[in-house]
Each structure stands twice: as C-alpha cells, then as structure tokens.
Amino acid sequence: MTTPFAPRHWSSRFTFLMAAVGSAVGLGNIWRFPYLAGENGGGAFILIYAATTLVIALPILISEIMLGRMGKQSPINAMKALVRENRAARFWLLIGWGGIVGAFIVLSYYSVIGGWALKYIELAVTGAFAGETEAAAAEHFSRFVGDPGSLILWQTAFLALTVIIVAGGVTSGIERAVVMLMPLLFILLAAMAAYATTMDGFGEAMHFMFAFDFSEVTPDTVLAAIGQGFFSVSIALGAMMTYGAYLDEDVSIGQSAVFIAVLDTVVALLAGVAIFPLVFSYGLEPSSGPGLTFITLPIAFGTIGSGILIGGAFFVLLSVAAVTSAISLLEPIVAWVEEGVSISRKWLALIIGALAWVAGLGTVLSFNLWSDFHPMARFGFMEKMTLFDVLDFTTANLIMPTVGLMIALFAGWVLSRPQVAEALHAGDKPWFRLWHFALRYIAPFGVISIFVANVLM
C-alpha cells in the first residue's frame, strides 16, 4: 500500500528494535512484574505469563506494527487510509483516535512519575538515603509529593528531556537517544543483578521470584498474567503503530515482535534479580509500585556501603526506562499533527509537550492540594479516586483494552487473510496460521477478560 506521506524511516532494524523495546520497557517492568511473580506462584506465574503473552499480547503487537507499516503514517491517518482502501466502516478510525488520546493522557501523568525518578537520582548521589528508616523514607517521599512546586519542577525537567529528543526527529532525535539509552539500561541492570548475587538475601529473593508454587495459582493469577503481558509490551497507545510506519518492508515484523516481547520480559526478570536481594537482605517487606521504588529501596540504599553508587545507578535505570517510554507516547501525537500542518517538528514537539505539561498539573495536584478531590464521585462510580486515579484507570482499563480489542478484530476479521499474509511476508507458514487463529479468537477473549476483571467485577 502506498501513501503520499512517508518521509520518516528507521536507519536500521537495530534502531527500530531499540526504540520499540524502549517503548515496551517502562516503570511497570521494574516495579510491578517482579512482585507480581513473587506473590502469584513465582515460576508458575512466569510460565502462565509467557503462555498468555504468546497467544494474546504478541498477536496484537504484531498486528499493530503491521497496521503502521501498511498505513505508513501516524495512527489516525494510517487508519483513515486502511479504512478507505478496505471500504470498512468509519467506526474503525477509533483505533487511531483512541491510541492518540490514550497516549496524550498517559504522557501527562507519566511525566510526573518520571520526574520522581529524576529527583531520586539527585537524592541518591548526594547521600540523602544514609541511615534512612522506614518511617523516615515514607516521610521523605510524602513530603516530596506533598510539595506541588517540587513536583512541577521535576515534571518540567522530565518533559523537557522528552521534547528535546522527539524534536530532533526520528534519525537525529529518537534513534540517537535510544541507541545510547537502551544499552545503558541493559548495562546498569546487568551490573546491579551481578552485584545482587553477592548479597545475603539473594537465595531468598530467587525463591520468592522463581520457585514454582502452583498452590498460589488462582483465576486471578491468570488474569494478572494476561493484564501484565498486555500492558507491558506497549500496545494500544499508538506507539507501535507509529514505529511500524517507519519500518522497512524487508524487516520481519513477526521476528521483531518476538524479540521485543522476549527482551521486555528479560528486563522485568533481571529487575527482580537486581531489586529483591536488597529487600530481603535487609529484612524489608517486598512490595510493588511507588512504595517499593521510593520508600523500600531507599532504606536499603542508605544501609549498604555502596549505596550512593547502587542507588544512583538504580534511579538512572528507572529514569531511562521512563524517558524511552515517554518518547514513544509523544511521537505519535507529533507525527499526526506534523502530517496536517506546516509547522516545524521542533515547535510541534514543544507545543504538544507544553499541553501535556498543563494537563499533568492535575496529576501533580492529585498528590497534595487536590488529594481530597474526587471528580467522579457525583456520578456514583470511581467515587474515591483522585483525578490521577481516574486518568490512570480510564487509560488502563477502558481506552487500552478497547483499542487493543479493535486492533485484533480489524486485523483478524476486516483485513483479508491473503492481505495480512502478504503484509507480513508470511505466505501460509505454520506460524502464520497459528498467529491468525490466536488473533481472531484467543486474543479478543483475553482482552475482554481484562476488561471484565478490572471494570465489571
């Protein structure tokens, strides 16, 4: 399929893979997956995660990259072209619009959390964690998020870094950033994991994460595995469709998607290997999310002799993961506007970044001045959620599952089988038949299960 607008291109398959892996590897890999595994049967959860990712997340990931390469434009314009060419209902344009809207909302609050990671680099390298107790670490974090001025400062720094990279374009901006940042992430993670093997709590941590305990496996475990796989590989937010639009025709989408999913999982597992020996060595309680990252780990960093070095490395690692994901959220929006107006990319990145900054102020205030403001309470649902909670819930549980389901249905049922086979250069190979079956039947069921579990139950 040809389009009148296809000016952007990856210079190599390697740069595409680094950008795509950077999009997939985010905060959830580091602060959520290892804990989920440990609390849900260890190796049993990892096995279930791998199986469900293979038949649910991976087929949709392949489809999203494929749709991007077929349309060769931003998600909205790519879907316009595909809908027109296949004489499909305009309803399917929601794939593009949903991805763009979801990306903007996530970028607005992700930049605030990314700012936390940047702030904690400063705290780590200045020795602020020395002698930190649990109460002191909790108070430290509470005082930080309770100060709107500090949050805005670090949110601005994080978004400025993201805008500068995207403003440089695909080759001079995104490629240069990811080919430097992603190897740095892998080196830091490997070094931290190697250091963790020397700690007293290494054996206990490995048992927590990897011991097969099928007694802990419940239907909720399976749903957690499906959800983690779906959200972890960065589908349904327009990023992979946009990155696919810049991909050469001779690059195998199937092989690339498998590589992305595998490396995404490896990073999550290595993060657990690096983090939890610290937690267990100092008798701390394993947890997930901000509590693990900004309260529990600083206690450990403040106790060990090399805490400044290890703590600094960890928060640099966290910041790299956040920045490479944020790049992939801003790029689809900038690409879409760039296709329709005669304004330089630099100005577009700055304007859209500024809009995301303004939208992010609601998230900033949700942790302090607006902590008692529950915007949906008057409607009788999400009654106890702050504005940040509402935005997070809406994107994770409504927009992303809806867009993911529509991608599966459009690629599996609207596009013809020969058309899809040609787009993937697959012929009628066994892997293609299995993938097409999973895309049409298993993946939609999996996405619907996420929606039902998180919204209706």
Protein backbone atom coordinates (compact mmCIF):
# COMPACT_ATOMS: atom_id res chain seq x y z
CA MET A 1 0.00 0.00 0.00
CA THR A 2 1.37 3.45 -0.85
CA THR A 3 0.60 6.82 0.70
CA PRO A 4 1.51 10.38 -0.28
CA PHE A 5 3.30 10.94 3.03
CA ALA A 6 6.10 8.65 4.19
CA PRO A 7 9.09 10.87 4.99
CA ARG A 8 10.26 9.16 8.18
CA HIS A 9 12.33 5.98 8.27
CA TRP A 10 14.41 3.97 10.71
CA SER A 11 18.01 3.81 9.55
CA SER A 12 18.26 0.13 10.53
CA ARG A 13 16.37 -2.76 12.09
CA PHE A 14 18.52 -2.36 15.20
CA THR A 15 17.37 1.21 15.81
CA PHE A 16 13.73 0.17 15.38
CA LEU A 17 14.19 -2.64 17.89
CA MET A 18 15.90 -0.37 20.41
CA ALA A 19 13.11 2.19 20.08
CA ALA A 20 10.38 -0.45 20.32
CA VAL A 21 11.98 -2.18 23.30
CA GLY A 22 12.42 1.24 24.90
CA SER A 23 8.71 1.86 24.42
CA ALA A 24 7.81 -1.50 25.95
CA VAL A 25 10.23 -1.35 28.88
CA GLY A 26 8.76 1.06 31.38
CA LEU A 27 8.19 1.54 35.08
CA GLY A 28 5.86 -1.47 35.25
CA ASN A 29 8.67 -3.84 34.25
CA ILE A 30 10.78 -2.66 37.14
CA TRP A 31 8.35 -2.04 39.97
CA ARG A 32 5.41 -4.33 39.18
CA PHE A 33 6.29 -7.53 37.31
CA PRO A 34 8.84 -9.00 39.79
CA TYR A 35 6.45 -8.53 42.71
CA LEU A 36 3.52 -9.98 40.75
CA ALA A 37 5.61 -13.06 40.01
CA GLY A 38 6.67 -13.50 43.65
CA GLU A 39 3.17 -13.11 45.03
CA ASN A 40 1.48 -15.37 42.48
CA GLY A 41 3.44 -18.58 42.47
CA GLY A 42 6.86 -17.45 41.24
CA GLY A 43 7.88 -19.67 38.35
CA ALA A 44 4.27 -20.78 37.91
CA PHE A 45 3.21 -17.17 37.29
CA ILE A 46 6.11 -16.60 34.88
CA LEU A 47 5.08 -19.70 32.93
CA ILE A 48 1.46 -18.53 32.73
CA TYR A 49 2.63 -15.02 31.80
CA ALA A 50 4.77 -16.38 28.95
CA ALA A 51 1.91 -18.53 27.62
CA THR A 52 -0.73 -15.80 27.77
CA THR A 53 1.63 -13.21 26.27
CA LEU A 54 2.34 -15.60 23.39
CA VAL A 55 -1.34 -16.04 22.46
CA ILE A 56 -2.80 -12.66 23.48
CA ALA A 57 -0.33 -9.77 23.66
CA LEU A 58 2.05 -10.91 20.92
CA PRO A 59 -0.62 -11.33 18.19
CA ILE A 60 -1.88 -7.81 18.89
CA LEU A 61 1.67 -6.41 18.96
CA ILE A 62 2.38 -7.94 15.55
CA SER A 63 -0.92 -6.54 14.26
CA GLU A 64 -0.29 -3.02 15.49
CA ILE A 65 3.19 -2.84 13.94
CA MET A 66 1.76 -4.33 10.74
CA LEU A 67 -1.05 -1.76 10.53
CA GLY A 68 1.51 1.00 10.98
CA ARG A 69 3.70 -0.31 8.17
CA MET A 70 0.69 -0.79 5.89
CA GLY A 71 -0.54 2.76 6.52
CA LYS A 72 2.92 4.41 6.68
CA GLN A 73 1.58 7.36 8.65
CA SER A 74 0.56 8.33 12.17
CA PRO A 75 -2.14 6.10 13.74
CA ILE A 76 -5.08 8.33 12.81
CA ASN A 77 -4.04 8.84 9.19
CA ALA A 78 -2.88 5.25 8.80
CA MET A 79 -6.31 4.02 9.89
CA LYS A 80 -8.02 6.50 7.56
CA ALA A 81 -6.04 5.07 4.64
CA LEU A 82 -6.70 1.44 5.65
CA VAL A 83 -10.41 2.04 6.24
CA ARG A 84 -10.73 3.76 2.86
CA GLU A 85 -8.77 1.07 1.00
CA ASN A 86 -10.78 -1.78 2.57
CA ARG A 87 -14.12 0.07 2.41
CA ALA A 88 -14.56 -0.56 6.11
CA ALA A 89 -16.84 1.30 8.49
CA ARG A 90 -15.53 4.60 9.87
CA PHE A 91 -16.01 3.07 13.32
CA TRP A 92 -12.54 1.54 12.95
CA LEU A 93 -10.97 5.00 12.95
CA LEU A 94 -11.35 4.78 16.73
CA ILE A 95 -8.19 2.66 16.70
CA GLY A 96 -6.17 5.69 15.64
CA TRP A 97 -8.04 8.25 17.71
CA GLY A 98 -8.07 6.06 20.80
CA GLY A 99 -4.34 5.48 20.56
CA ILE A 100 -3.57 9.20 20.21
CA VAL A 101 -5.91 10.27 23.03
CA GLY A 102 -4.64 7.50 25.29
CA ALA A 103 -1.01 8.40 24.56
CA PHE A 104 -1.61 12.05 25.47
CA ILE A 105 -3.35 11.21 28.75
CA VAL A 106 -0.68 8.71 29.78
CA LEU A 107 2.10 11.15 28.83
CA SER A 108 0.51 13.83 31.02
CA TYR A 109 0.72 11.75 34.20
CA TYR A 110 3.70 9.56 33.25
CA SER A 111 5.84 12.70 33.05
CA VAL A 112 5.04 13.44 36.69
CA ILE A 113 6.13 9.97 37.82
CA GLY A 114 9.18 10.21 35.56
CA GLY A 115 10.05 13.42 37.36
CA TRP A 116 10.07 11.50 40.65
CA ALA A 117 12.75 9.18 39.23
CA LEU A 118 14.91 12.17 38.20
CA LYS A 119 14.55 13.72 41.66
CA TYR A 120 15.61 10.49 43.32
CA ILE A 121 18.80 10.36 41.25
CA GLU A 122 19.76 13.60 42.97
CA LEU A 123 18.81 12.23 46.40
CA ALA A 124 20.75 9.01 45.82
CA VAL A 125 24.01 10.56 44.65
CA THR A 126 24.00 13.20 47.40
CA GLY A 127 23.75 10.55 50.11
CA ALA A 128 20.28 11.60 51.27
CA PHE A 129 19.31 7.98 51.97
CA ALA A 130 22.08 7.40 54.55
CA GLY A 131 20.64 5.86 57.72
CA GLU A 132 17.10 6.01 56.35
CA THR A 133 14.47 4.21 58.44
CA GLU A 134 11.12 3.04 57.11
CA ALA A 135 9.31 5.91 58.81
CA ALA A 136 11.88 8.42 57.57
CA ALA A 137 11.75 7.10 53.98
CA ALA A 138 7.95 7.28 53.97
CA GLU A 139 8.06 10.81 55.38
CA HIS A 140 10.72 11.79 52.84
CA PHE A 141 8.55 10.63 49.95
CA SER A 142 5.34 12.06 51.43
CA ARG A 143 6.98 15.45 51.90
CA PHE A 144 8.25 15.43 48.30
CA VAL A 145 4.93 14.54 46.65
CA GLY A 146 3.14 16.93 49.00
CA ASP A 147 5.05 19.87 47.54
CA PRO A 148 3.46 20.98 44.24
CA GLY A 149 6.41 23.22 43.41
CA SER A 150 8.93 20.37 43.59
CA LEU A 151 6.74 18.05 41.55
CA ILE A 152 6.24 20.69 38.85
CA LEU A 153 9.99 21.37 38.69
CA TRP A 154 10.87 17.72 38.09
CA GLN A 155 7.87 17.13 35.81
CA THR A 156 9.16 20.04 33.70
CA ALA A 157 12.66 18.58 33.58
CA PHE A 158 11.38 15.19 32.51
CA LEU A 159 9.09 16.58 29.80
CA ALA A 160 11.82 18.92 28.54
CA LEU A 161 14.14 15.95 28.04
CA THR A 162 11.39 14.06 26.20
CA VAL A 163 10.53 17.05 23.99
CA ILE A 164 14.18 17.68 23.06
CA ILE A 165 14.58 14.08 21.89
CA VAL A 166 11.36 13.98 19.84
CA ALA A 167 12.01 17.44 18.39
CA GLY A 168 15.18 16.07 16.81
CA GLY A 169 13.14 13.76 14.56
CA VAL A 170 13.36 10.03 14.00
CA THR A 171 17.01 9.82 12.94
CA SER A 172 18.64 12.72 14.77
CA GLY A 173 16.44 12.57 17.86
CA ILE A 174 14.81 9.26 18.73
CA GLU A 175 17.44 6.99 17.16
CA ARG A 176 20.37 8.81 18.75
CA ALA A 177 18.66 8.67 22.13
CA VAL A 178 17.65 5.01 22.11
CA VAL A 179 20.94 3.65 20.78
CA MET A 180 22.61 5.34 23.74
CA LEU A 181 19.97 4.93 26.45
CA MET A 182 18.89 1.33 25.87
CA PRO A 183 22.42 -0.18 26.04
CA LEU A 184 22.97 1.97 29.16
CA LEU A 185 19.81 0.48 30.68
CA PHE A 186 20.96 -3.08 29.96
CA ILE A 187 24.47 -2.42 31.33
CA LEU A 188 23.16 -0.86 34.56
CA LEU A 189 20.61 -3.63 35.03
CA ALA A 190 23.17 -6.38 34.43
CA ALA A 191 25.64 -4.73 36.81
CA MET A 192 23.02 -4.39 39.55
CA ALA A 193 21.91 -8.00 39.05
CA ALA A 194 25.53 -9.19 39.29
CA TYR A 195 26.00 -7.19 42.50
CA ALA A 196 22.79 -8.67 43.92
CA THR A 197 24.20 -12.21 43.63
CA THR A 198 26.72 -11.30 46.36
CA MET A 199 24.06 -10.33 48.89
CA ASP A 200 22.83 -12.50 51.78
CA GLY A 201 19.23 -12.28 50.65
CA PHE A 202 19.91 -13.49 47.10
CA GLY A 203 18.74 -17.06 47.71
CA GLU A 204 15.56 -15.96 49.46
CA ALA A 205 14.83 -13.47 46.70
CA MET A 206 15.28 -16.08 43.98
CA HIS A 207 12.96 -18.45 45.85
CA PHE A 208 10.40 -15.65 46.15
CA MET A 209 10.52 -14.91 42.41
CA PHE A 210 11.18 -18.25 40.72
CA ALA A 211 10.11 -21.19 42.93
CA PHE A 212 7.18 -22.99 41.30
CA ASP A 213 4.24 -22.80 43.69
CA PHE A 214 1.08 -23.83 41.90
CA SER A 215 -0.89 -23.60 45.17
CA GLU A 216 -0.78 -19.82 44.71
CA VAL A 217 -2.27 -20.01 41.22
CA THR A 218 -5.90 -18.90 41.05
CA PRO A 219 -8.10 -17.48 38.27
CA ASP A 220 -6.98 -14.05 39.46
CA THR A 221 -3.37 -15.13 38.83
CA VAL A 222 -4.19 -15.90 35.21
CA LEU A 223 -5.97 -12.56 34.80
CA ALA A 224 -2.99 -10.76 36.36
CA ALA A 225 -0.66 -12.52 33.92
CA ILE A 226 -2.85 -11.59 30.94
CA GLY A 227 -3.05 -7.99 32.08
CA GLN A 228 0.68 -7.68 32.72
CA GLY A 229 1.50 -9.12 29.30
CA PHE A 230 -1.00 -6.86 27.54
CA PHE A 231 0.12 -3.64 29.19
CA SER A 232 3.83 -4.46 29.25
CA VAL A 233 4.52 -4.62 25.51
CA SER A 234 3.23 -1.09 24.84
CA ILE A 235 0.28 -1.87 22.60
CA ALA A 236 -2.89 0.18 22.03
CA LEU A 237 -1.35 3.63 22.60
CA GLY A 238 -0.30 4.33 19.02
CA ALA A 239 3.42 3.92 19.74
CA MET A 240 3.97 0.61 18.00
CA MET A 241 1.78 1.63 15.06
CA THR A 242 3.82 4.80 14.65
CA TYR A 243 7.13 2.98 14.95
CA GLY A 244 5.84 0.40 12.48
CA ALA A 245 5.11 3.18 9.98
CA TYR A 246 8.83 3.95 9.84
CA LEU A 247 9.83 0.31 9.27
CA ASP A 248 11.31 -1.02 6.01
CA GLU A 249 9.37 -3.65 4.10
CA ASP A 250 12.19 -6.21 4.29
CA VAL A 251 12.16 -6.33 8.11
CA SER A 252 10.27 -9.30 9.60
CA ILE A 253 7.54 -7.98 11.87
CA GLY A 254 6.96 -11.39 13.44
CA GLN A 255 10.59 -11.88 14.43
CA SER A 256 10.86 -8.28 15.63
CA ALA A 257 7.75 -8.58 17.80
CA VAL A 258 9.04 -11.78 19.40
CA PHE A 259 12.35 -10.07 20.12
CA ILE A 260 10.55 -7.09 21.71
CA ALA A 261 8.37 -9.31 23.91
CA VAL A 262 11.28 -11.52 24.99
CA LEU A 263 13.60 -8.62 25.82
CA ASP A 264 10.79 -6.84 27.64
CA THR A 265 10.34 -9.94 29.83
CA VAL A 266 14.08 -10.38 30.36
CA VAL A 267 14.34 -6.81 31.64
CA ALA A 268 11.46 -7.42 34.06
CA LEU A 269 13.06 -10.61 35.39
CA LEU A 270 16.50 -9.00 35.70
CA ALA A 271 14.91 -6.10 37.57
CA GLY A 272 13.59 -8.56 40.12
CA VAL A 273 17.00 -10.23 40.39
CA ALA A 274 18.56 -6.81 40.98
CA ILE A 275 15.97 -5.44 43.41
CA PHE A 276 14.66 -8.17 45.70
CA PRO A 277 18.01 -9.40 47.13
CA LEU A 278 18.34 -5.87 48.53
CA VAL A 279 14.86 -6.09 50.01
CA PHE A 280 15.37 -9.49 51.63
CA SER A 281 18.95 -8.83 52.77
CA TYR A 282 17.77 -6.02 55.00
CA GLY A 283 14.59 -7.65 56.24
CA LEU A 284 12.32 -5.29 54.34
CA GLU A 285 8.84 -6.14 53.16
CA PRO A 286 8.57 -6.93 49.42
CA SER A 287 6.11 -4.66 47.68
CA SER A 288 5.46 -3.07 44.31
CA GLY A 289 4.88 0.29 42.71
CA PRO A 290 6.00 3.61 44.19
CA GLY A 291 6.13 2.09 47.67
CA LEU A 292 8.86 -0.34 46.59
CA THR A 293 10.75 2.19 44.49
CA PHE A 294 10.63 5.35 46.55
CA ILE A 295 10.32 4.04 50.12
CA THR A 296 11.57 0.45 50.49
CA LEU A 297 14.63 0.59 48.22
CA PRO A 298 15.99 3.91 49.56
CA ILE A 299 16.15 2.24 53.01
CA ALA A 300 18.39 -0.48 51.53
CA PHE A 301 20.47 2.04 49.57
CA GLY A 302 21.01 4.02 52.76
CA THR A 303 22.25 0.93 54.60
CA ILE A 304 24.75 -0.68 52.23
CA GLY A 305 28.25 0.74 51.94
CA SER A 306 27.99 1.36 48.20
CA GLY A 307 24.50 2.83 48.48
CA ILE A 308 25.35 6.06 46.65
CA LEU A 309 26.64 4.15 43.62
CA ILE A 310 23.96 1.43 43.59
CA GLY A 311 21.13 3.83 44.40
CA GLY A 312 22.26 6.31 41.77
CA ALA A 313 22.54 3.54 39.17
CA PHE A 314 19.07 2.28 40.00
CA PHE A 315 17.34 5.63 39.63
CA VAL A 316 19.24 6.37 36.41
CA LEU A 317 17.98 2.99 35.18
CA LEU A 318 14.44 3.89 36.22
CA SER A 319 14.67 7.28 34.51
CA VAL A 320 15.96 5.75 31.27
CA ALA A 321 13.03 3.31 31.22
CA ALA A 322 10.61 6.19 31.81
CA VAL A 323 12.14 8.50 29.18
CA THR A 324 12.22 5.90 26.39
CA SER A 325 8.56 5.11 27.08
CA ALA A 326 7.62 8.81 27.16
CA ILE A 327 9.30 9.35 23.79
CA SER A 328 7.02 6.72 22.27
CA LEU A 329 3.96 8.47 23.75
CA LEU A 330 4.84 11.91 22.40
CA GLU A 331 5.99 10.78 18.93
CA PRO A 332 2.58 9.54 17.63
CA ILE A 333 0.94 12.86 18.52
CA VAL A 334 3.70 14.97 16.99
CA ALA A 335 3.72 12.79 13.85
CA TRP A 336 -0.05 13.16 13.42
CA VAL A 337 -0.06 16.96 13.74
CA GLU A 338 3.07 17.23 11.56
CA GLU A 339 1.23 15.44 8.74
CA GLY A 340 -1.51 18.07 8.72
CA VAL A 341 0.16 21.42 9.35
CA SER A 342 3.16 23.33 8.04
CA ILE A 343 4.89 23.87 11.36
CA SER A 344 8.36 22.61 12.16
CA ARG A 345 8.68 19.46 14.25
CA LYS A 346 10.62 21.38 16.91
CA TRP A 347 7.74 23.75 17.51
CA LEU A 348 5.17 20.95 17.40
CA ALA A 349 7.08 18.91 19.99
CA LEU A 350 7.34 22.00 22.20
CA ILE A 351 3.65 22.92 21.87
CA ILE A 352 2.36 19.39 22.47
CA GLY A 353 4.82 18.92 25.31
CA ALA A 354 3.54 22.15 26.86
CA LEU A 355 -0.06 20.94 26.57
CA ALA A 356 0.91 17.65 28.24
CA TRP A 357 2.65 19.71 30.97
CA VAL A 358 -0.54 21.69 31.62
CA ALA A 359 -2.64 18.50 31.66
CA GLY A 360 -0.11 16.94 34.04
CA LEU A 361 -0.74 19.65 36.63
CA GLY A 362 -3.92 17.81 37.57
CA THR A 363 -1.81 14.77 38.44
CA VAL A 364 0.65 16.91 40.39
CA LEU A 365 -2.17 18.38 42.48
CA SER A 366 -3.76 14.96 43.00
CA PHE A 367 -0.94 14.14 45.42
CA ASN A 368 -1.34 17.27 47.54
CA LEU A 369 -3.81 20.15 47.20
CA TRP A 370 -6.42 18.07 45.35
CA SER A 371 -5.90 14.82 47.27
CA ASP A 372 -9.47 15.05 48.60
CA PHE A 373 -10.96 15.98 45.22
CA HIS A 374 -12.82 13.02 43.70
CA PRO A 375 -14.10 14.22 40.30
CA MET A 376 -16.30 11.21 39.53
CA ALA A 377 -17.99 10.95 42.95
CA ARG A 378 -21.03 12.90 41.78
CA PHE A 379 -21.67 10.25 39.12
CA GLY A 380 -21.69 7.36 41.58
CA PHE A 381 -18.59 5.49 40.36
CA MET A 382 -14.84 5.80 40.89
CA GLU A 383 -16.01 7.66 43.96
CA LYS A 384 -12.75 7.51 45.96
CA MET A 385 -10.41 8.14 43.04
CA THR A 386 -8.35 11.29 42.68
CA LEU A 387 -8.00 12.90 39.26
CA PHE A 388 -4.77 10.95 38.72
CA ASP A 389 -6.51 7.69 39.66
CA VAL A 390 -9.34 8.43 37.22
CA LEU A 391 -6.91 9.13 34.36
CA ASP A 392 -4.89 6.00 35.10
CA PHE A 393 -8.00 3.83 35.41
CA THR A 394 -9.54 5.24 32.23
CA THR A 395 -6.49 4.62 30.06
CA ALA A 396 -5.51 1.23 31.52
CA ASN A 397 -8.97 -0.27 31.83
CA LEU A 398 -11.09 1.44 29.18
CA ILE A 399 -9.06 3.02 26.36
CA MET A 400 -6.24 0.48 26.03
CA PRO A 401 -8.39 -2.69 26.16
CA THR A 402 -10.88 -1.13 23.71
CA VAL A 403 -8.17 -0.14 21.23
CA GLY A 404 -6.38 -3.48 21.67
CA LEU A 405 -9.58 -5.39 21.02
CA MET A 406 -10.33 -3.31 17.93
CA ILE A 407 -6.82 -3.88 16.56
CA ALA A 408 -7.30 -7.64 16.92
CA LEU A 409 -10.74 -7.56 15.28
CA PHE A 410 -9.71 -5.24 12.44
CA ALA A 411 -6.54 -7.15 11.55
CA GLY A 412 -8.17 -10.53 12.12
CA TRP A 413 -11.60 -10.04 10.58
CA VAL A 414 -11.75 -6.89 8.43
CA LEU A 415 -8.46 -7.36 6.59
CA SER A 416 -8.47 -10.46 4.40
CA ARG A 417 -6.22 -13.38 5.26
CA PRO A 418 -4.21 -13.09 1.99
CA GLN A 419 -3.81 -9.35 2.56
CA VAL A 420 -2.42 -9.89 6.07
CA ALA A 421 -0.18 -12.74 4.91
CA GLU A 422 1.28 -10.50 2.23
CA ALA A 423 1.82 -7.64 4.68
CA LEU A 424 3.76 -9.98 6.99
CA HIS A 425 5.55 -11.75 4.10
CA ALA A 426 4.31 -14.97 5.72
CA GLY A 427 2.75 -16.96 2.92
CA ASP A 428 0.89 -19.83 4.55
CA LYS A 429 3.57 -20.85 7.04
CA PRO A 430 2.54 -22.76 10.18
CA TRP A 431 3.42 -19.83 12.48
CA PHE A 432 1.14 -17.56 10.44
CA ARG A 433 -1.79 -19.95 10.73
CA LEU A 434 -1.34 -20.20 14.49
CA TRP A 435 -0.91 -16.45 14.82
CA HIS A 436 -4.01 -15.72 12.73
CA PHE A 437 -6.11 -18.15 14.79
CA ALA A 438 -4.88 -16.60 18.06
CA LEU A 439 -5.53 -13.10 16.73
CA ARG A 440 -9.10 -13.87 15.71
CA TYR A 441 -10.24 -15.96 18.67
CA ILE A 442 -7.88 -16.11 21.65
CA ALA A 443 -6.59 -12.51 21.82
CA PRO A 444 -10.08 -10.90 21.78
CA PHE A 445 -11.21 -13.24 24.55
CA GLY A 446 -8.12 -12.35 26.59
CA VAL A 447 -8.63 -8.59 26.20
CA ILE A 448 -12.31 -8.89 27.11
CA SER A 449 -11.32 -10.84 30.23
CA ILE A 450 -9.06 -7.94 31.30
CA PHE A 451 -11.92 -5.51 30.83
CA VAL A 452 -14.40 -7.66 32.76
CA ALA A 453 -11.97 -8.34 35.60
CA ASN A 454 -10.88 -4.74 36.07
CA VAL A 455 -14.08 -2.85 35.34
CA LEU A 456 -17.12 -5.05 35.89
CA MET A 457 -16.01 -7.27 38.75
